[in-house]
Amino acid sequence: MASNHTSPSFATLAPAEKLGSLPLYVTPTPQELSDQRLSWRNLELATRALHRDGLVVIEDIIDHAKLDWLNQKMIQDALVLQSAGDQSPYNFNKGNLQQDPPMTSRYFDPSSFLNPLATQVTSTILGPRPRLTFISGNTALPPVPGVPPQSQPIHSDCDFDHPDCPFALVVNVPLVEMTPENGSTEIWLGTHVGSGLLDQEAMPGDRGGTRVKPALLEQRAMERPPSQPTIKKGSIIIRDLRLWHGGKPNWTKNARVLLAMIHWAPWYR
């Protein structure tokens, strides 16, 4: 079963001029969750959304208690990292940390890091047995008194020459419900198609990617504006590595952790 929050059905692709700014949400049935495998219909929906939008959300597939267990540990670690000041592994600004999860059996839950429904989707797009070579996370920190909250510049994670077809997919797992209030990522659906290095302007000192040229953002916003979607706890986001996006400020009192794994096509160098 799927919903789009902007259109009643995804059974037929909407005309380009009617495309919305929110992603497609696929909700597996109880049978699919039991089988740990999407039906052909839901797999098709997810695949078509990734090709069209560059992003899809698969809802309610991870047990909340397992997320809570990891979240408690990673928030503790985030406070330690934040206390390092200028030496902390910030990502564009000090409101956003590049934070790795603890790679120990005590906190490594396969349903979060190796979810079979997510892998079913990525292997359908990229080819059998995609390679997982990146496990990290992005933590949006609460406001600090006297420090104005900052957004990341809108950027693509592909700051290198890359193919024009899907070759890498990011699997994001929010450890809590992700909302505009706690720093839900701003996404620019459809920008994975036809984008490349000429769209970007490298800025000295930036970490992790280069920003999209402002003129292109203005043009794109008139065609298909960005959004900050709400993502339910227990959901997984699958995003094309090429998609334009940017971290936003966290206005709440609690750090918001978003796991990030990258699945690479087995044929990609």
Protein backbone atom coordinates (compact mmCIF):
# COMPACT_ATOMS: atom_id res chain seq x y z
CA MET A 1 0.00 0.00 0.00
CA ALA A 2 1.38 3.40 -0.89
CA SER A 3 0.53 7.02 -0.24
CA ASN A 4 2.04 10.24 -1.54
CA HIS A 5 0.53 12.87 0.81
CA THR A 6 -0.03 14.94 -2.35
CA SER A 7 -1.82 12.56 -4.69
CA PRO A 8 -4.24 9.68 -4.10
CA SER A 9 -2.33 7.06 -6.05
CA PHE A 10 0.96 6.25 -7.65
CA ALA A 11 -0.45 3.52 -9.85
CA THR A 12 -0.09 5.90 -12.79
CA LEU A 13 2.78 8.35 -12.96
CA ALA A 14 1.63 11.95 -12.64
CA PRO A 15 2.41 14.35 -15.50
CA ALA A 16 5.60 16.32 -14.90
CA GLU A 17 3.69 19.56 -14.35
CA LYS A 18 1.69 17.95 -11.51
CA LEU A 19 4.58 16.47 -9.56
CA GLY A 20 4.54 17.39 -5.87
CA SER A 21 7.33 18.20 -3.46
CA LEU A 22 6.73 15.38 -0.98
CA PRO A 23 8.13 11.88 -1.41
CA LEU A 24 6.22 8.67 -2.01
CA TYR A 25 5.54 6.64 1.15
CA VAL A 26 5.27 2.86 0.76
CA THR A 27 3.68 1.00 3.69
CA PRO A 28 4.32 -2.75 3.65
CA THR A 29 1.49 -5.09 4.58
CA PRO A 30 1.69 -7.36 7.66
CA GLN A 31 2.38 -10.27 5.31
CA GLU A 32 5.27 -8.40 3.67
CA LEU A 33 6.73 -7.61 7.09
CA SER A 34 6.40 -11.26 8.09
CA ASP A 35 8.06 -12.41 4.86
CA GLN A 36 10.65 -9.61 5.07
CA ARG A 37 10.02 -9.03 1.39
CA LEU A 38 7.99 -6.45 -0.52
CA SER A 39 5.29 -7.59 -2.89
CA TRP A 40 5.91 -7.06 -6.60
CA ARG A 41 3.46 -4.15 -6.54
CA ASN A 42 5.15 -2.29 -3.68
CA LEU A 43 8.58 -3.07 -5.09
CA GLU A 44 7.48 -1.53 -8.38
CA LEU A 45 6.17 1.55 -6.59
CA ALA A 46 9.47 2.02 -4.74
CA THR A 47 11.49 1.45 -7.90
CA ARG A 48 9.46 3.91 -9.96
CA ALA A 49 9.66 6.53 -7.21
CA LEU A 50 13.44 6.24 -7.04
CA HIS A 51 13.78 6.62 -10.79
CA ARG A 52 11.35 9.55 -10.94
CA ASP A 53 11.99 11.38 -7.67
CA GLY A 54 15.36 10.07 -6.52
CA LEU A 55 13.90 9.16 -3.12
CA VAL A 56 11.33 6.86 -1.52
CA VAL A 57 10.21 6.21 2.08
CA ILE A 58 9.34 2.72 3.33
CA GLU A 59 7.29 3.16 6.49
CA ASP A 60 6.97 1.24 9.77
CA ILE A 61 9.51 -1.54 9.24
CA ILE A 62 11.87 -1.25 12.27
CA ASP A 63 10.94 -1.99 15.87
CA HIS A 64 10.92 1.21 17.92
CA ALA A 65 12.57 -0.35 20.97
CA LYS A 66 15.64 -1.22 18.89
CA LEU A 67 15.86 2.35 17.62
CA ASP A 68 15.49 3.71 21.17
CA TRP A 69 18.38 1.55 22.39
CA LEU A 70 20.75 2.87 19.73
CA ASN A 71 19.44 6.43 19.99
CA GLN A 72 20.23 6.62 23.70
CA LYS A 73 23.85 5.67 23.06
CA MET A 74 24.32 7.94 20.05
CA ILE A 75 22.91 10.99 21.82
CA GLN A 76 25.43 10.42 24.62
CA ASP A 77 28.19 10.16 22.03
CA ALA A 78 26.93 13.30 20.26
CA LEU A 79 27.36 15.36 23.42
CA VAL A 80 30.95 14.13 23.75
CA LEU A 81 31.66 14.99 20.11
CA GLN A 82 30.05 18.40 20.45
CA SER A 83 32.22 19.19 23.47
CA ALA A 84 35.30 18.95 21.20
CA GLY A 85 34.40 22.35 19.74
CA ASP A 86 36.29 23.15 16.55
CA GLN A 87 37.72 19.62 16.52
CA SER A 88 34.29 17.97 16.36
CA PRO A 89 33.39 16.18 13.11
CA TYR A 90 30.88 18.80 11.99
CA ASN A 91 29.28 18.59 8.57
CA PHE A 92 29.21 22.08 6.98
CA ASN A 93 28.31 23.75 10.31
CA LYS A 94 28.47 23.09 14.04
CA GLY A 95 24.77 22.31 14.24
CA ASN A 96 25.28 19.13 12.25
CA LEU A 97 27.66 16.34 13.19
CA GLN A 98 28.98 13.57 10.99
CA GLN A 99 28.57 10.85 13.60
CA ASP A 100 29.33 7.16 13.19
CA PRO A 101 27.23 4.66 15.14
CA PRO A 102 29.04 2.30 17.54
CA MET A 103 30.12 -0.74 15.54
CA THR A 104 29.71 -3.30 18.32
CA SER A 105 27.39 -6.31 18.55
CA ARG A 106 25.61 -4.70 21.48
CA TYR A 107 24.22 -1.92 19.27
CA PHE A 108 24.33 -3.49 15.80
CA ASP A 109 20.75 -4.36 14.89
CA PRO A 110 20.45 -5.99 11.44
CA SER A 111 16.97 -4.57 10.89
CA SER A 112 18.47 -1.07 11.06
CA PHE A 113 21.79 -1.59 9.28
CA LEU A 114 21.03 -4.51 6.94
CA ASN A 115 17.29 -4.26 6.47
CA PRO A 116 16.17 -6.86 3.90
CA LEU A 117 13.36 -4.67 2.54
CA ALA A 118 15.79 -1.84 1.89
CA THR A 119 18.29 -4.22 0.29
CA GLN A 120 15.53 -5.66 -1.89
CA VAL A 121 14.90 -2.18 -3.28
CA THR A 122 18.56 -1.23 -3.70
CA SER A 123 19.45 -4.52 -5.40
CA THR A 124 16.54 -4.03 -7.79
CA ILE A 125 17.87 -0.61 -8.81
CA LEU A 126 21.61 -1.24 -8.66
CA GLY A 127 21.92 -4.94 -9.47
CA PRO A 128 22.30 -8.07 -7.32
CA ARG A 129 24.41 -7.90 -4.17
CA PRO A 130 25.16 -4.17 -3.89
CA ARG A 131 28.24 -3.30 -1.84
CA LEU A 132 27.86 -1.62 1.56
CA THR A 133 31.07 0.33 2.17
CA PHE A 134 29.86 3.32 4.21
CA ILE A 135 28.10 3.38 7.58
CA SER A 136 27.80 6.71 9.37
CA GLY A 137 25.13 9.21 10.40
CA ASN A 138 24.12 12.85 10.60
CA THR A 139 23.12 14.34 13.93
CA ALA A 140 21.22 17.63 14.06
CA LEU A 141 22.12 19.23 17.38
CA PRO A 142 19.79 21.38 19.50
CA PRO A 143 20.27 25.17 19.41
CA VAL A 144 23.19 26.54 21.39
CA PRO A 145 22.61 29.87 23.21
CA GLY A 146 24.24 32.73 21.35
CA VAL A 147 24.87 30.67 18.19
CA PRO A 148 22.45 31.34 15.31
CA PRO A 149 21.05 28.09 13.87
CA GLN A 150 22.36 27.30 10.40
CA SER A 151 21.23 25.22 7.45
CA GLN A 152 23.59 23.20 5.33
CA PRO A 153 23.96 24.57 1.82
CA ILE A 154 21.91 22.61 -0.70
CA HIS A 155 24.35 20.11 -2.17
CA SER A 156 24.81 16.77 -3.87
CA ASP A 157 26.91 14.09 -2.23
CA CYS A 158 28.44 13.41 -5.65
CA ASP A 159 31.38 15.81 -5.60
CA PHE A 160 33.09 13.68 -8.23
CA ASP A 161 32.48 12.68 -11.83
CA HIS A 162 29.79 10.01 -11.92
CA PRO A 163 27.48 8.08 -14.25
CA ASP A 164 24.13 9.45 -15.40
CA CYS A 165 22.36 6.31 -14.16
CA PRO A 166 21.78 5.15 -10.57
CA PHE A 167 25.03 3.81 -9.14
CA ALA A 168 24.76 4.48 -5.40
CA LEU A 169 21.82 4.72 -3.00
CA VAL A 170 21.84 6.14 0.53
CA VAL A 171 19.78 4.22 3.08
CA ASN A 172 18.79 6.60 5.90
CA VAL A 173 17.27 5.44 9.19
CA PRO A 174 15.98 8.17 11.54
CA LEU A 175 16.17 7.01 15.16
CA VAL A 176 13.19 9.20 16.09
CA GLU A 177 10.35 10.70 14.09
CA MET A 178 11.92 13.26 11.79
CA THR A 179 10.05 16.56 11.41
CA PRO A 180 10.77 20.14 10.28
CA GLU A 181 11.03 21.01 13.99
CA ASN A 182 13.92 18.63 14.70
CA GLY A 183 15.76 19.15 11.42
CA SER A 184 14.18 16.96 8.77
CA THR A 185 16.41 17.04 5.69
CA GLU A 186 15.33 19.41 2.92
CA ILE A 187 15.01 17.42 -0.31
CA TRP A 188 14.75 18.51 -3.94
CA LEU A 189 12.95 15.67 -5.68
CA GLY A 190 13.92 14.87 -9.24
CA THR A 191 17.26 16.68 -9.15
CA HIS A 192 19.20 13.43 -9.44
CA VAL A 193 18.40 13.38 -13.17
CA GLY A 194 20.74 15.37 -15.37
CA SER A 195 22.75 16.86 -12.51
CA GLY A 196 26.52 16.89 -12.40
CA LEU A 197 29.66 18.72 -11.39
CA LEU A 198 28.78 21.75 -13.53
CA ASP A 199 25.81 22.40 -11.21
CA GLN A 200 28.08 22.74 -8.19
CA GLU A 201 30.42 25.36 -6.83
CA ALA A 202 33.11 24.10 -4.49
CA MET A 203 33.65 26.21 -1.40
CA PRO A 204 36.98 25.98 0.44
CA GLY A 205 36.64 24.39 3.87
CA ASP A 206 33.38 22.57 3.18
CA ARG A 207 33.13 19.01 4.40
CA GLY A 208 31.36 16.36 2.41
CA GLY A 209 30.09 17.56 -0.94
CA THR A 210 29.76 20.81 -2.83
CA ARG A 211 26.88 23.24 -2.97
CA VAL A 212 24.52 23.76 -5.88
CA LYS A 213 24.79 27.11 -7.66
CA PRO A 214 22.16 29.59 -6.34
CA ALA A 215 20.84 30.42 -9.82
CA LEU A 216 20.04 26.76 -10.40
CA LEU A 217 18.24 26.53 -7.07
CA GLU A 218 16.07 29.51 -7.95
CA GLN A 219 15.20 28.00 -11.31
CA ARG A 220 14.45 24.59 -9.83
CA ALA A 221 12.29 26.01 -7.04
CA MET A 222 9.96 27.47 -9.67
CA GLU A 223 9.61 24.08 -11.36
CA ARG A 224 9.35 21.79 -8.33
CA PRO A 225 9.93 23.34 -4.89
CA PRO A 226 11.81 21.51 -2.14
CA SER A 227 10.22 20.06 0.99
CA GLN A 228 11.04 19.05 4.54
CA PRO A 229 8.98 15.87 4.92
CA THR A 230 7.89 14.28 8.18
CA ILE A 231 9.23 10.72 8.41
CA LYS A 232 7.68 8.31 10.90
CA LYS A 233 9.85 6.55 13.42
CA GLY A 234 10.58 3.02 12.23
CA SER A 235 10.82 4.06 8.59
CA ILE A 236 13.68 3.87 6.11
CA ILE A 237 14.52 6.48 3.47
CA ILE A 238 16.26 5.41 0.28
CA ARG A 239 17.86 8.28 -1.66
CA ASP A 240 19.83 8.48 -4.88
CA LEU A 241 23.31 9.75 -4.02
CA ARG A 242 22.99 12.41 -6.73
CA LEU A 243 19.87 14.08 -5.27
CA TRP A 244 20.14 17.70 -4.08
CA HIS A 245 19.47 18.05 -0.35
CA GLY A 246 20.54 19.95 2.75
CA GLY A 247 20.44 19.56 6.52
CA LYS A 248 18.20 21.98 8.42
CA PRO A 249 18.35 23.37 11.99
CA ASN A 250 17.02 21.39 14.91
CA TRP A 251 14.74 23.65 16.97
CA THR A 252 13.99 21.09 19.71
CA LYS A 253 15.85 20.29 22.92
CA ASN A 254 17.02 16.85 21.80
CA ALA A 255 19.62 15.78 19.26
CA ARG A 256 18.15 14.07 16.18
CA VAL A 257 20.18 11.17 14.79
CA LEU A 258 19.86 9.93 11.20
CA LEU A 259 21.83 6.82 10.24
CA ALA A 260 23.33 6.77 6.75
CA MET A 261 24.50 3.70 4.82
CA ILE A 262 25.54 3.76 1.15
CA HIS A 263 24.82 0.83 -1.15
CA TRP A 264 26.99 0.86 -4.29
CA ALA A 265 26.21 -0.91 -7.55
CA PRO A 266 28.32 -4.08 -7.77
CA TRP A 267 29.56 -2.97 -11.18
CA TYR A 268 30.64 0.52 -10.10
CA ARG A 269 34.36 1.13 -9.69
